[in-house]
N, C-alpha and C. Protein backbone atom coordinates (compact mmCIF):
# COMPACT_ATOMS: atom_id res chain seq x y z
N UNK A 1 0.83 -1.21 0.00
CA UNK A 1 0.00 0.00 0.00
C UNK A 1 0.86 1.25 0.00
N UNK A 2 1.93 1.23 0.79
CA UNK A 2 2.82 2.38 0.84
C UNK A 2 3.46 2.65 -0.52
N UNK A 3 3.78 1.54 -1.22
CA UNK A 3 4.38 1.69 -2.54
C UNK A 3 3.41 2.38 -3.48
N UNK A 4 2.13 2.03 -3.40
CA UNK A 4 1.13 2.64 -4.25
C UNK A 4 1.00 4.13 -3.95
N UNK A 5 1.08 4.50 -2.68
CA UNK A 5 0.97 5.90 -2.29
C UNK A 5 2.16 6.70 -2.79
N UNK A 6 3.35 6.08 -2.70
CA UNK A 6 4.55 6.74 -3.19
C UNK A 6 4.44 6.96 -4.70
N UNK A 7 3.93 5.95 -5.41
CA UNK A 7 3.77 6.06 -6.85
C UNK A 7 2.76 7.15 -7.20
N UNK A 8 1.69 7.26 -6.41
CA UNK A 8 0.68 8.29 -6.66
C UNK A 8 1.30 9.67 -6.56
N UNK A 9 2.10 9.91 -5.53
CA UNK A 9 2.78 11.20 -5.39
C UNK A 9 3.69 11.45 -6.58
N UNK A 10 4.47 10.45 -6.96
CA UNK A 10 5.39 10.60 -8.08
C UNK A 10 4.67 10.87 -9.39
N UNK A 11 3.55 10.20 -9.60
CA UNK A 11 2.77 10.38 -10.83
C UNK A 11 2.22 11.80 -10.90
N UNK A 12 1.63 12.27 -9.80
CA UNK A 12 1.03 13.61 -9.78
C UNK A 12 2.10 14.68 -9.96
N UNK A 13 3.23 14.54 -9.28
CA UNK A 13 4.29 15.55 -9.39
C UNK A 13 4.92 15.54 -10.78
N UNK A 14 5.08 14.36 -11.35
CA UNK A 14 5.63 14.27 -12.70
C UNK A 14 4.72 14.98 -13.70
N UNK A 15 3.42 14.76 -13.57
CA UNK A 15 2.47 15.42 -14.46
C UNK A 15 2.47 16.94 -14.23
N UNK A 16 2.63 17.35 -12.98
CA UNK A 16 2.68 18.78 -12.67
C UNK A 16 3.90 19.42 -13.31
N UNK A 17 5.02 18.74 -13.24
CA UNK A 17 6.24 19.23 -13.89
C UNK A 17 6.03 19.33 -15.39
N UNK A 18 5.41 18.31 -15.96
CA UNK A 18 5.17 18.28 -17.40
C UNK A 18 4.27 19.44 -17.84
N UNK A 19 3.20 19.70 -17.10
CA UNK A 19 2.24 20.73 -17.51
C UNK A 19 2.76 22.15 -17.27
N UNK A 20 3.81 22.28 -16.49
CA UNK A 20 4.39 23.61 -16.27
C UNK A 20 5.63 23.86 -17.10
N UNK A 21 6.12 22.81 -17.78
CA UNK A 21 7.34 22.94 -18.58
C UNK A 21 7.20 23.99 -19.68
N UNK A 22 6.02 24.03 -20.32
CA UNK A 22 5.80 24.97 -21.41
C UNK A 22 6.08 26.41 -20.97
N UNK A 23 5.69 26.74 -19.75
CA UNK A 23 5.84 28.12 -19.27
C UNK A 23 7.30 28.44 -18.95
N UNK A 24 8.07 27.41 -18.56
CA UNK A 24 9.50 27.63 -18.35
C UNK A 24 10.23 27.81 -19.68
N UNK A 25 9.93 26.96 -20.67
CA UNK A 25 10.58 27.11 -21.97
C UNK A 25 10.19 28.43 -22.62
N UNK A 26 8.94 28.85 -22.42
CA UNK A 26 8.51 30.15 -22.96
C UNK A 26 9.26 31.29 -22.28
N UNK A 27 9.44 31.17 -20.97
CA UNK A 27 10.17 32.20 -20.22
C UNK A 27 11.61 32.29 -20.69
N UNK A 28 12.23 31.15 -20.91
CA UNK A 28 13.62 31.14 -21.36
C UNK A 28 13.75 31.71 -22.77
N UNK A 29 12.77 31.44 -23.63
CA UNK A 29 12.80 32.02 -24.97
C UNK A 29 12.62 33.54 -24.90
N UNK A 30 11.76 34.00 -24.00
CA UNK A 30 11.57 35.44 -23.83
C UNK A 30 12.89 36.10 -23.44
N UNK A 31 13.61 35.46 -22.54
CA UNK A 31 14.85 36.03 -22.03
C UNK A 31 16.02 35.89 -23.00
N UNK A 32 16.11 34.74 -23.65
CA UNK A 32 17.31 34.43 -24.44
C UNK A 32 17.12 34.50 -25.95
N UNK A 33 15.88 34.39 -26.41
CA UNK A 33 15.62 34.44 -27.86
C UNK A 33 14.25 35.07 -28.10
N UNK A 34 14.07 36.33 -27.70
CA UNK A 34 12.76 36.97 -27.79
C UNK A 34 12.17 37.03 -29.19
N UNK A 35 13.03 37.03 -30.21
CA UNK A 35 12.52 37.15 -31.58
C UNK A 35 11.73 35.93 -32.03
N UNK A 36 11.89 34.77 -31.35
CA UNK A 36 11.10 33.59 -31.70
C UNK A 36 10.11 33.25 -30.60
N UNK A 37 10.01 34.11 -29.60
CA UNK A 37 9.10 33.84 -28.49
C UNK A 37 7.71 34.35 -28.82
N UNK A 38 6.81 33.44 -29.06
CA UNK A 38 5.43 33.81 -29.39
C UNK A 38 4.49 32.76 -28.82
N UNK A 39 3.46 33.19 -28.08
CA UNK A 39 2.50 32.26 -27.51
C UNK A 39 1.15 32.95 -27.36
N UNK A 40 0.09 32.17 -27.33
CA UNK A 40 -1.25 32.74 -27.13
C UNK A 40 -2.19 31.67 -26.59
N UNK A 41 -3.06 32.08 -25.69
CA UNK A 41 -4.08 31.20 -25.11
C UNK A 41 -5.37 31.98 -25.00
N UNK A 42 -6.30 31.75 -25.93
CA UNK A 42 -7.63 32.35 -25.88
C UNK A 42 -7.60 33.86 -25.59
N UNK A 43 -6.94 34.59 -26.42
CA UNK A 43 -6.93 36.05 -26.28
C UNK A 43 -5.76 36.60 -25.50
N UNK A 44 -5.13 35.77 -24.68
CA UNK A 44 -3.92 36.18 -23.97
C UNK A 44 -2.71 35.70 -24.76
N UNK A 45 -1.68 36.52 -24.78
CA UNK A 45 -0.50 36.10 -25.51
C UNK A 45 0.59 37.14 -25.48
N UNK A 46 1.71 36.78 -26.04
CA UNK A 46 2.83 37.69 -26.07
C UNK A 46 3.82 37.31 -27.15
N UNK A 47 4.60 38.28 -27.57
CA UNK A 47 5.67 38.05 -28.54
C UNK A 47 6.89 38.80 -28.04
N UNK A 48 7.90 38.05 -27.66
CA UNK A 48 9.05 38.68 -27.03
C UNK A 48 8.63 39.34 -25.72
N UNK A 49 8.97 40.62 -25.58
CA UNK A 49 8.60 41.36 -24.37
C UNK A 49 7.34 42.20 -24.58
N UNK A 50 6.54 41.83 -25.56
CA UNK A 50 5.29 42.52 -25.83
C UNK A 50 4.10 41.70 -25.34
N UNK A 51 2.97 42.35 -25.13
CA UNK A 51 1.78 41.65 -24.68
C UNK A 51 1.90 41.20 -23.24
N UNK A 52 1.25 40.09 -22.94
CA UNK A 52 1.29 39.56 -21.57
C UNK A 52 2.53 38.68 -21.37
N UNK A 53 3.70 39.24 -21.70
CA UNK A 53 4.96 38.49 -21.59
C UNK A 53 5.26 38.07 -20.16
N UNK A 54 4.66 38.78 -19.20
CA UNK A 54 4.91 38.53 -17.78
C UNK A 54 4.21 37.28 -17.27
N UNK A 55 3.23 36.76 -18.00
CA UNK A 55 2.44 35.63 -17.51
C UNK A 55 3.24 34.34 -17.36
N UNK A 56 4.00 33.91 -18.39
CA UNK A 56 4.80 32.69 -18.20
C UNK A 56 5.77 32.77 -17.02
N UNK A 57 6.55 33.88 -16.86
CA UNK A 57 7.43 33.96 -15.68
C UNK A 57 6.66 33.90 -14.36
N UNK A 58 5.47 34.52 -14.32
CA UNK A 58 4.67 34.48 -13.09
C UNK A 58 4.25 33.05 -12.76
N UNK A 59 3.79 32.33 -13.77
CA UNK A 59 3.40 30.94 -13.55
C UNK A 59 4.59 30.10 -13.12
N UNK A 60 5.75 30.38 -13.70
CA UNK A 60 6.98 29.67 -13.32
C UNK A 60 7.30 29.88 -11.84
N UNK A 61 7.20 31.12 -11.37
CA UNK A 61 7.48 31.42 -9.96
C UNK A 61 6.51 30.70 -9.04
N UNK A 62 5.23 30.69 -9.41
CA UNK A 62 4.22 30.00 -8.61
C UNK A 62 4.49 28.50 -8.59
N UNK A 63 4.86 27.95 -9.75
CA UNK A 63 5.16 26.52 -9.83
C UNK A 63 6.36 26.14 -8.97
N UNK A 64 7.42 26.93 -9.06
CA UNK A 64 8.61 26.67 -8.24
C UNK A 64 8.29 26.76 -6.76
N UNK A 65 7.48 27.73 -6.39
CA UNK A 65 7.06 27.87 -4.99
C UNK A 65 6.26 26.65 -4.54
N UNK A 66 5.43 26.13 -5.44
CA UNK A 66 4.63 24.93 -5.14
C UNK A 66 5.54 23.73 -4.92
N UNK A 67 6.52 23.54 -5.80
CA UNK A 67 7.47 22.43 -5.64
C UNK A 67 8.26 22.58 -4.34
N UNK A 68 8.62 23.82 -4.01
CA UNK A 68 9.39 24.08 -2.79
C UNK A 68 8.57 23.73 -1.56
N UNK A 69 7.31 24.13 -1.52
CA UNK A 69 6.44 23.80 -0.38
C UNK A 69 6.27 22.28 -0.27
N UNK A 70 6.05 21.62 -1.40
CA UNK A 70 5.88 20.17 -1.38
C UNK A 70 7.10 19.49 -0.81
N UNK A 71 8.28 19.95 -1.21
CA UNK A 71 9.51 19.34 -0.75
C UNK A 71 9.80 19.55 0.71
N UNK A 72 9.36 20.69 1.26
CA UNK A 72 9.61 20.97 2.67
C UNK A 72 8.59 20.29 3.58
N UNK A 73 7.45 19.90 3.02
CA UNK A 73 6.41 19.27 3.83
C UNK A 73 5.70 20.24 4.75
N UNK A 74 5.75 21.54 4.42
CA UNK A 74 5.17 22.57 5.28
C UNK A 74 4.03 23.29 4.56
N UNK A 75 3.26 24.04 5.37
CA UNK A 75 2.14 24.84 4.83
C UNK A 75 1.33 24.00 3.85
N UNK A 76 0.88 22.84 4.31
CA UNK A 76 0.22 21.90 3.40
C UNK A 76 -1.09 22.45 2.84
N UNK A 77 -1.82 23.24 3.62
CA UNK A 77 -3.07 23.80 3.11
C UNK A 77 -2.82 24.67 1.89
N UNK A 78 -1.78 25.51 1.98
CA UNK A 78 -1.42 26.37 0.85
C UNK A 78 -0.93 25.52 -0.31
N UNK A 79 -0.11 24.54 -0.03
CA UNK A 79 0.39 23.66 -1.08
C UNK A 79 -0.76 22.93 -1.78
N UNK A 80 -1.69 22.41 -0.99
CA UNK A 80 -2.83 21.70 -1.56
C UNK A 80 -3.65 22.62 -2.46
N UNK A 81 -3.86 23.85 -2.01
CA UNK A 81 -4.63 24.82 -2.79
C UNK A 81 -3.94 25.13 -4.11
N UNK A 82 -2.61 25.30 -4.06
CA UNK A 82 -1.86 25.60 -5.28
C UNK A 82 -1.87 24.42 -6.24
N UNK A 83 -1.68 23.22 -5.71
CA UNK A 83 -1.63 22.03 -6.54
C UNK A 83 -2.96 21.78 -7.24
N UNK A 84 -4.03 21.72 -6.46
CA UNK A 84 -5.35 21.45 -7.04
C UNK A 84 -5.80 22.63 -7.91
N UNK A 85 -5.51 23.85 -7.45
CA UNK A 85 -5.88 25.03 -8.24
C UNK A 85 -5.26 25.00 -9.61
N UNK A 86 -3.99 24.62 -9.69
CA UNK A 86 -3.31 24.56 -10.98
C UNK A 86 -3.95 23.53 -11.90
N UNK A 87 -4.19 22.33 -11.37
CA UNK A 87 -4.73 21.27 -12.21
C UNK A 87 -6.17 21.56 -12.64
N UNK A 88 -6.95 22.16 -11.76
CA UNK A 88 -8.31 22.55 -12.14
C UNK A 88 -8.28 23.63 -13.21
N UNK A 89 -7.36 24.59 -13.06
CA UNK A 89 -7.25 25.68 -14.03
C UNK A 89 -6.86 25.17 -15.41
N UNK A 90 -5.79 24.41 -15.46
CA UNK A 90 -5.30 23.95 -16.76
C UNK A 90 -6.28 22.98 -17.41
N UNK A 91 -6.94 22.15 -16.59
CA UNK A 91 -7.95 21.23 -17.13
C UNK A 91 -9.17 22.00 -17.62
N UNK A 92 -9.55 23.04 -16.88
CA UNK A 92 -10.67 23.87 -17.31
C UNK A 92 -10.40 24.53 -18.65
N UNK A 93 -9.16 24.98 -18.85
CA UNK A 93 -8.77 25.59 -20.12
C UNK A 93 -8.87 24.57 -21.26
N UNK A 94 -8.41 23.35 -20.98
CA UNK A 94 -8.47 22.29 -21.99
C UNK A 94 -9.91 21.95 -22.34
N UNK A 95 -10.76 21.83 -21.33
CA UNK A 95 -12.17 21.52 -21.57
C UNK A 95 -12.84 22.64 -22.37
N UNK A 96 -12.57 23.88 -21.97
CA UNK A 96 -13.12 25.03 -22.69
C UNK A 96 -12.66 25.03 -24.14
N UNK A 97 -11.38 24.76 -24.35
CA UNK A 97 -10.84 24.73 -25.70
C UNK A 97 -11.44 23.64 -26.56
N UNK A 98 -11.82 22.53 -25.92
CA UNK A 98 -12.38 21.41 -26.68
C UNK A 98 -13.74 21.75 -27.27
N UNK A 99 -14.42 22.76 -26.72
CA UNK A 99 -15.72 23.16 -27.23
C UNK A 99 -15.63 24.24 -28.31
N UNK A 100 -14.40 24.73 -28.55
CA UNK A 100 -14.21 25.76 -29.56
C UNK A 100 -13.91 25.13 -30.92
N UNK A 101 -14.41 25.75 -31.95
CA UNK A 101 -14.20 25.22 -33.30
C UNK A 101 -12.72 25.29 -33.69
N UNK A 102 -12.21 24.17 -34.14
CA UNK A 102 -10.83 24.09 -34.66
C UNK A 102 -9.78 24.59 -33.67
N UNK A 103 -10.03 24.42 -32.37
CA UNK A 103 -9.04 24.82 -31.37
C UNK A 103 -7.97 23.74 -31.27
N UNK A 104 -6.71 24.15 -31.41
CA UNK A 104 -5.61 23.20 -31.32
C UNK A 104 -4.53 23.79 -30.43
N UNK A 105 -3.77 22.92 -29.81
CA UNK A 105 -2.60 23.36 -29.07
C UNK A 105 -1.39 23.07 -29.95
N UNK A 106 -0.57 24.09 -30.13
CA UNK A 106 0.54 23.98 -31.07
C UNK A 106 1.87 24.23 -30.37
N UNK A 107 2.85 23.38 -30.64
CA UNK A 107 4.20 23.54 -30.14
C UNK A 107 5.09 23.86 -31.33
N UNK A 108 5.29 25.19 -31.56
CA UNK A 108 6.00 25.65 -32.74
C UNK A 108 7.41 25.10 -32.87
N UNK A 109 8.09 24.93 -31.74
CA UNK A 109 9.46 24.43 -31.79
C UNK A 109 9.55 23.06 -32.44
N UNK A 110 8.57 22.22 -32.12
CA UNK A 110 8.62 20.83 -32.58
C UNK A 110 7.69 20.56 -33.76
N UNK A 111 6.90 21.57 -34.15
CA UNK A 111 5.99 21.38 -35.26
C UNK A 111 4.86 20.42 -34.94
N UNK A 112 4.43 20.41 -33.67
CA UNK A 112 3.38 19.50 -33.23
C UNK A 112 2.08 20.26 -32.99
N UNK A 113 0.98 19.71 -33.49
CA UNK A 113 -0.34 20.29 -33.25
C UNK A 113 -1.28 19.19 -32.77
N UNK A 114 -2.03 19.49 -31.71
CA UNK A 114 -2.99 18.52 -31.16
C UNK A 114 -4.31 19.21 -30.92
N UNK A 115 -5.39 18.52 -31.22
CA UNK A 115 -6.71 19.05 -30.91
C UNK A 115 -6.95 18.97 -29.40
N UNK A 116 -7.60 19.99 -28.85
CA UNK A 116 -7.87 20.02 -27.42
C UNK A 116 -8.67 18.80 -26.97
N UNK A 117 -9.51 18.30 -27.85
CA UNK A 117 -10.40 17.19 -27.48
C UNK A 117 -9.62 15.96 -27.04
N UNK A 118 -8.40 15.77 -27.60
CA UNK A 118 -7.60 14.60 -27.25
C UNK A 118 -6.93 14.75 -25.89
N UNK A 119 -6.95 15.96 -25.35
CA UNK A 119 -6.27 16.22 -24.09
C UNK A 119 -7.20 16.21 -22.88
N UNK A 120 -8.50 16.21 -23.15
CA UNK A 120 -9.47 16.32 -22.05
C UNK A 120 -9.34 15.16 -21.06
N UNK A 121 -9.34 13.95 -21.58
CA UNK A 121 -9.33 12.77 -20.70
C UNK A 121 -8.07 12.69 -19.85
N UNK A 122 -6.86 12.78 -20.42
CA UNK A 122 -5.67 12.70 -19.56
C UNK A 122 -5.59 13.82 -18.53
N UNK A 123 -5.96 15.04 -18.92
CA UNK A 123 -5.91 16.14 -17.96
C UNK A 123 -6.93 15.94 -16.85
N UNK A 124 -8.11 15.45 -17.20
CA UNK A 124 -9.14 15.20 -16.19
C UNK A 124 -8.71 14.08 -15.23
N UNK A 125 -8.10 13.04 -15.79
CA UNK A 125 -7.65 11.91 -14.96
C UNK A 125 -6.59 12.36 -13.96
N UNK A 126 -5.62 13.14 -14.42
CA UNK A 126 -4.54 13.58 -13.52
C UNK A 126 -5.04 14.59 -12.50
N UNK A 127 -6.06 15.35 -12.85
CA UNK A 127 -6.66 16.26 -11.86
C UNK A 127 -7.31 15.45 -10.75
N UNK A 128 -8.02 14.39 -11.12
CA UNK A 128 -8.63 13.51 -10.13
C UNK A 128 -7.57 12.87 -9.25
N UNK A 129 -6.45 12.45 -9.86
CA UNK A 129 -5.35 11.85 -9.08
C UNK A 129 -4.76 12.85 -8.11
N UNK A 130 -4.65 14.12 -8.52
CA UNK A 130 -4.13 15.16 -7.63
C UNK A 130 -5.07 15.36 -6.44
N UNK A 131 -6.37 15.33 -6.70
CA UNK A 131 -7.36 15.48 -5.62
C UNK A 131 -7.27 14.30 -4.66
N UNK A 132 -7.11 13.09 -5.22
CA UNK A 132 -6.98 11.90 -4.37
C UNK A 132 -5.72 12.00 -3.51
N UNK A 133 -4.62 12.45 -4.10
CA UNK A 133 -3.37 12.60 -3.34
C UNK A 133 -3.55 13.56 -2.18
N UNK A 134 -4.18 14.70 -2.44
CA UNK A 134 -4.42 15.69 -1.38
C UNK A 134 -5.32 15.10 -0.30
N UNK A 135 -6.35 14.38 -0.72
CA UNK A 135 -7.26 13.75 0.25
C UNK A 135 -6.51 12.75 1.13
N UNK A 136 -5.64 11.97 0.52
CA UNK A 136 -4.86 10.98 1.26
C UNK A 136 -3.96 11.67 2.30
N UNK A 137 -3.39 12.80 1.93
CA UNK A 137 -2.55 13.54 2.87
C UNK A 137 -3.38 14.10 4.02
N UNK A 138 -4.50 14.74 3.69
CA UNK A 138 -5.35 15.36 4.71
C UNK A 138 -5.91 14.32 5.67
N UNK A 139 -6.27 13.16 5.14
CA UNK A 139 -6.83 12.10 5.98
C UNK A 139 -5.78 11.38 6.81
N UNK A 140 -4.51 11.67 6.54
CA UNK A 140 -3.42 11.06 7.31
C UNK A 140 -2.97 9.72 6.78
N UNK A 141 -3.51 9.31 5.63
CA UNK A 141 -3.11 8.03 5.05
C UNK A 141 -1.71 8.09 4.44
N UNK A 142 -1.27 9.30 4.12
CA UNK A 142 0.08 9.49 3.61
C UNK A 142 0.82 10.41 4.58
N UNK A 143 1.89 9.90 5.14
CA UNK A 143 2.69 10.69 6.06
C UNK A 143 3.66 11.58 5.28
N UNK A 144 3.65 12.84 5.60
CA UNK A 144 4.49 13.80 4.88
C UNK A 144 5.68 14.20 5.74
N UNK A 145 6.89 13.88 5.31
CA UNK A 145 8.08 14.27 6.08
C UNK A 145 8.28 15.79 6.02
N UNK A 146 8.75 16.35 7.12
CA UNK A 146 8.97 17.80 7.21
C UNK A 146 10.48 18.07 7.23
N UNK A 147 10.91 18.98 6.37
CA UNK A 147 12.32 19.32 6.28
C UNK A 147 12.52 20.81 6.55
N UNK A 148 13.74 21.18 6.88
CA UNK A 148 14.08 22.58 7.09
C UNK A 148 13.89 23.37 5.79
N UNK A 149 13.55 24.65 5.93
CA UNK A 149 13.39 25.51 4.76
C UNK A 149 14.68 25.60 3.96
N UNK A 150 15.82 25.39 4.62
CA UNK A 150 17.12 25.51 3.96
C UNK A 150 17.58 24.20 3.32
N UNK A 151 16.84 23.14 3.57
CA UNK A 151 17.24 21.83 3.06
C UNK A 151 16.83 21.69 1.59
N UNK A 152 17.78 21.94 0.71
CA UNK A 152 17.54 21.89 -0.74
C UNK A 152 18.58 20.98 -1.37
N UNK A 153 18.22 20.38 -2.48
CA UNK A 153 19.17 19.53 -3.21
C UNK A 153 20.13 20.42 -4.01
N UNK A 154 21.16 20.92 -3.32
CA UNK A 154 22.04 21.93 -3.91
C UNK A 154 22.81 21.42 -5.11
N UNK A 155 23.22 20.17 -5.09
CA UNK A 155 23.98 19.64 -6.24
C UNK A 155 23.12 19.64 -7.49
N UNK A 156 21.87 19.23 -7.35
CA UNK A 156 20.97 19.23 -8.50
C UNK A 156 20.68 20.65 -8.96
N UNK A 157 20.59 21.57 -8.00
CA UNK A 157 20.36 22.97 -8.34
C UNK A 157 21.54 23.54 -9.13
N UNK A 158 22.75 23.12 -8.77
CA UNK A 158 23.94 23.57 -9.50
C UNK A 158 23.94 23.04 -10.94
N UNK A 159 23.47 21.81 -11.11
CA UNK A 159 23.38 21.26 -12.46
C UNK A 159 22.39 22.07 -13.29
N UNK A 160 21.25 22.41 -12.67
CA UNK A 160 20.25 23.24 -13.36
C UNK A 160 20.84 24.59 -13.74
N UNK A 161 21.61 25.18 -12.83
CA UNK A 161 22.23 26.47 -13.10
C UNK A 161 23.26 26.35 -14.22
N UNK A 162 23.98 25.23 -14.25
CA UNK A 162 25.01 25.03 -15.28
C UNK A 162 24.41 24.91 -16.68
N UNK A 163 23.14 24.54 -16.75
CA UNK A 163 22.49 24.42 -18.05
C UNK A 163 22.10 25.78 -18.63
N UNK A 164 22.11 26.82 -17.80
CA UNK A 164 21.75 28.14 -18.29
C UNK A 164 22.71 28.64 -19.38
N UNK A 165 24.03 28.63 -19.14
CA UNK A 165 24.93 29.07 -20.22
C UNK A 165 24.86 28.18 -21.44
N UNK A 166 24.55 26.89 -21.24
CA UNK A 166 24.40 25.98 -22.39
C UNK A 166 23.24 26.45 -23.26
N UNK A 167 22.10 26.73 -22.61
CA UNK A 167 20.93 27.21 -23.35
C UNK A 167 21.22 28.55 -24.00
N UNK A 168 21.91 29.42 -23.29
CA UNK A 168 22.23 30.75 -23.80
C UNK A 168 23.06 30.67 -25.09
N UNK A 169 24.09 29.84 -25.06
CA UNK A 169 24.97 29.70 -26.22
C UNK A 169 24.21 29.10 -27.40
N UNK A 170 23.43 28.06 -27.14
CA UNK A 170 22.69 27.41 -28.22
C UNK A 170 21.65 28.35 -28.83
N UNK A 171 20.97 29.13 -27.99
CA UNK A 171 20.00 30.08 -28.51
C UNK A 171 20.69 31.14 -29.38
N UNK A 172 21.85 31.58 -28.95
CA UNK A 172 22.58 32.60 -29.70
C UNK A 172 23.09 32.07 -31.04
N UNK A 173 23.47 30.81 -31.06
CA UNK A 173 24.00 30.21 -32.28
C UNK A 173 22.91 29.83 -33.26
N UNK A 174 21.73 29.50 -32.74
CA UNK A 174 20.65 29.03 -33.59
C UNK A 174 19.86 30.14 -34.24
N UNK A 175 19.12 29.78 -35.28
CA UNK A 175 18.23 30.72 -35.96
C UNK A 175 16.88 30.06 -36.17
N UNK A 176 15.82 30.86 -36.03
CA UNK A 176 14.49 30.31 -36.22
C UNK A 176 14.24 29.15 -35.28
N UNK A 177 13.74 28.06 -35.85
CA UNK A 177 13.54 26.85 -35.05
C UNK A 177 14.39 25.71 -35.62
N UNK A 178 15.64 26.04 -35.96
CA UNK A 178 16.51 25.00 -36.51
C UNK A 178 16.96 24.03 -35.41
N UNK A 179 17.81 23.09 -35.79
CA UNK A 179 18.22 22.03 -34.86
C UNK A 179 18.88 22.59 -33.61
N UNK A 180 19.70 23.63 -33.78
CA UNK A 180 20.41 24.19 -32.62
C UNK A 180 19.42 24.80 -31.63
N UNK A 181 18.41 25.48 -32.15
CA UNK A 181 17.39 26.06 -31.27
C UNK A 181 16.59 24.95 -30.59
N UNK A 182 16.30 23.89 -31.33
CA UNK A 182 15.61 22.75 -30.73
C UNK A 182 16.43 22.17 -29.58
N UNK A 183 17.75 22.09 -29.75
CA UNK A 183 18.62 21.61 -28.68
C UNK A 183 18.60 22.57 -27.50
N UNK A 184 18.53 23.87 -27.79
CA UNK A 184 18.46 24.86 -26.73
C UNK A 184 17.19 24.68 -25.91
N UNK A 185 16.06 24.50 -26.60
CA UNK A 185 14.79 24.29 -25.91
C UNK A 185 14.83 22.99 -25.11
N UNK A 186 15.41 21.95 -25.70
CA UNK A 186 15.53 20.66 -25.00
C UNK A 186 16.34 20.82 -23.72
N UNK A 187 17.39 21.64 -23.77
CA UNK A 187 18.21 21.86 -22.57
C UNK A 187 17.42 22.58 -21.49
N UNK A 188 16.50 23.47 -21.89
CA UNK A 188 15.69 24.17 -20.89
C UNK A 188 14.64 23.23 -20.28
N UNK A 189 14.19 22.25 -21.08
CA UNK A 189 13.26 21.25 -20.53
C UNK A 189 13.95 20.43 -19.45
N UNK A 190 15.17 19.97 -19.76
CA UNK A 190 15.95 19.22 -18.78
C UNK A 190 16.23 20.10 -17.56
N UNK A 191 16.52 21.36 -17.80
CA UNK A 191 16.80 22.30 -16.72
C UNK A 191 15.59 22.43 -15.79
N UNK A 192 14.39 22.49 -16.36
CA UNK A 192 13.17 22.60 -15.55
C UNK A 192 12.98 21.38 -14.66
N UNK A 193 13.26 20.21 -15.22
CA UNK A 193 13.14 18.98 -14.43
C UNK A 193 14.11 19.02 -13.25
N UNK A 194 15.33 19.46 -13.49
CA UNK A 194 16.33 19.56 -12.42
C UNK A 194 15.93 20.62 -11.39
N UNK A 195 15.36 21.72 -11.84
CA UNK A 195 14.92 22.76 -10.90
C UNK A 195 13.84 22.22 -9.97
N UNK A 196 12.87 21.53 -10.55
CA UNK A 196 11.79 20.96 -9.74
C UNK A 196 12.33 19.94 -8.75
N UNK A 197 13.27 19.12 -9.22
CA UNK A 197 13.87 18.10 -8.35
C UNK A 197 14.71 18.74 -7.26
N UNK A 198 15.41 19.81 -7.59
CA UNK A 198 16.25 20.48 -6.60
C UNK A 198 15.44 21.07 -5.46
N UNK A 199 14.25 21.57 -5.77
CA UNK A 199 13.39 22.17 -4.75
C UNK A 199 12.49 21.15 -4.08
N UNK A 200 12.47 19.93 -4.60
CA UNK A 200 11.63 18.88 -4.02
C UNK A 200 12.21 18.32 -2.74
N UNK A 201 11.72 17.17 -2.34
CA UNK A 201 12.21 16.56 -1.11
C UNK A 201 13.70 16.26 -1.21
N UNK A 202 14.44 16.54 -0.15
CA UNK A 202 15.89 16.27 -0.17
C UNK A 202 16.16 14.81 -0.48
N UNK A 203 17.17 14.58 -1.30
CA UNK A 203 17.52 13.22 -1.69
C UNK A 203 18.29 12.49 -0.61
N UNK A 204 18.78 13.24 0.36
CA UNK A 204 19.52 12.62 1.47
C UNK A 204 19.22 13.38 2.75
N UNK A 205 19.47 12.74 3.86
CA UNK A 205 19.23 13.39 5.15
C UNK A 205 17.87 13.03 5.72
N UNK A 206 17.78 13.08 7.04
CA UNK A 206 16.54 12.72 7.73
C UNK A 206 15.65 13.94 7.88
N UNK A 207 14.34 13.67 7.92
CA UNK A 207 13.39 14.75 8.13
C UNK A 207 13.47 15.23 9.56
N UNK A 208 12.84 16.37 9.85
CA UNK A 208 12.86 16.91 11.21
C UNK A 208 12.17 15.98 12.19
N UNK A 209 11.13 15.29 11.73
CA UNK A 209 10.42 14.34 12.59
C UNK A 209 11.32 13.19 12.96
N UNK A 210 12.07 12.67 11.99
CA UNK A 210 12.98 11.55 12.27
C UNK A 210 14.08 11.98 13.21
N UNK A 211 14.57 13.20 13.06
CA UNK A 211 15.62 13.72 13.94
C UNK A 211 15.09 13.86 15.37
N UNK A 212 13.85 14.32 15.51
CA UNK A 212 13.25 14.48 16.82
C UNK A 212 13.04 13.15 17.51
N UNK A 213 12.62 12.14 16.71
CA UNK A 213 12.42 10.81 17.28
C UNK A 213 13.73 10.21 17.74
N UNK A 214 14.81 10.51 17.02
CA UNK A 214 16.12 9.98 17.38
C UNK A 214 16.63 10.56 18.68
N UNK A 215 16.31 11.84 18.92
CA UNK A 215 16.75 12.49 20.15
C UNK A 215 15.83 12.16 21.31
């Protein structure tokens, strides 16, 4: 049973990282390659530093804060609200888009286009899983370890930081959406995964509860 609960947490967090990746890659393009940075969602959008360019960075900050709270095991009510709020919001957007004529989600870097209708079921399923995870925590079925606010996976954070100059150089060398730019975007995707992992639960060391029990 414990293994299933651990898998549930991992599944929900992995999906959360995946659904927030777009906003990190968009933020990095705004900063490092604004001439190819273009996005829009139902009337909201930006190109470079024009329009609602501030929205992707804002979502990134909220996402990082959510991962940080989850990793520390603190302020669970706020964490739960942020987690479920995000999944309800993004799923609501997908459902709304599925009712619009010819609405598609497009990833210009990779040349991929998908109809919103194909995304409704997976987004709805993962939202339900997020709600179940939160319920399991609130009911006490899942024990949440508590760590110090300063306890961060610093080595992983350094790897994420080291990917910044890599992305910078690749963006500068590339043009349009050629292979070099694709590699730059890929490096920012990997960077986002490392950032989320760095702010997540410490990979080593005992939680504060375990330390207290030992003493």
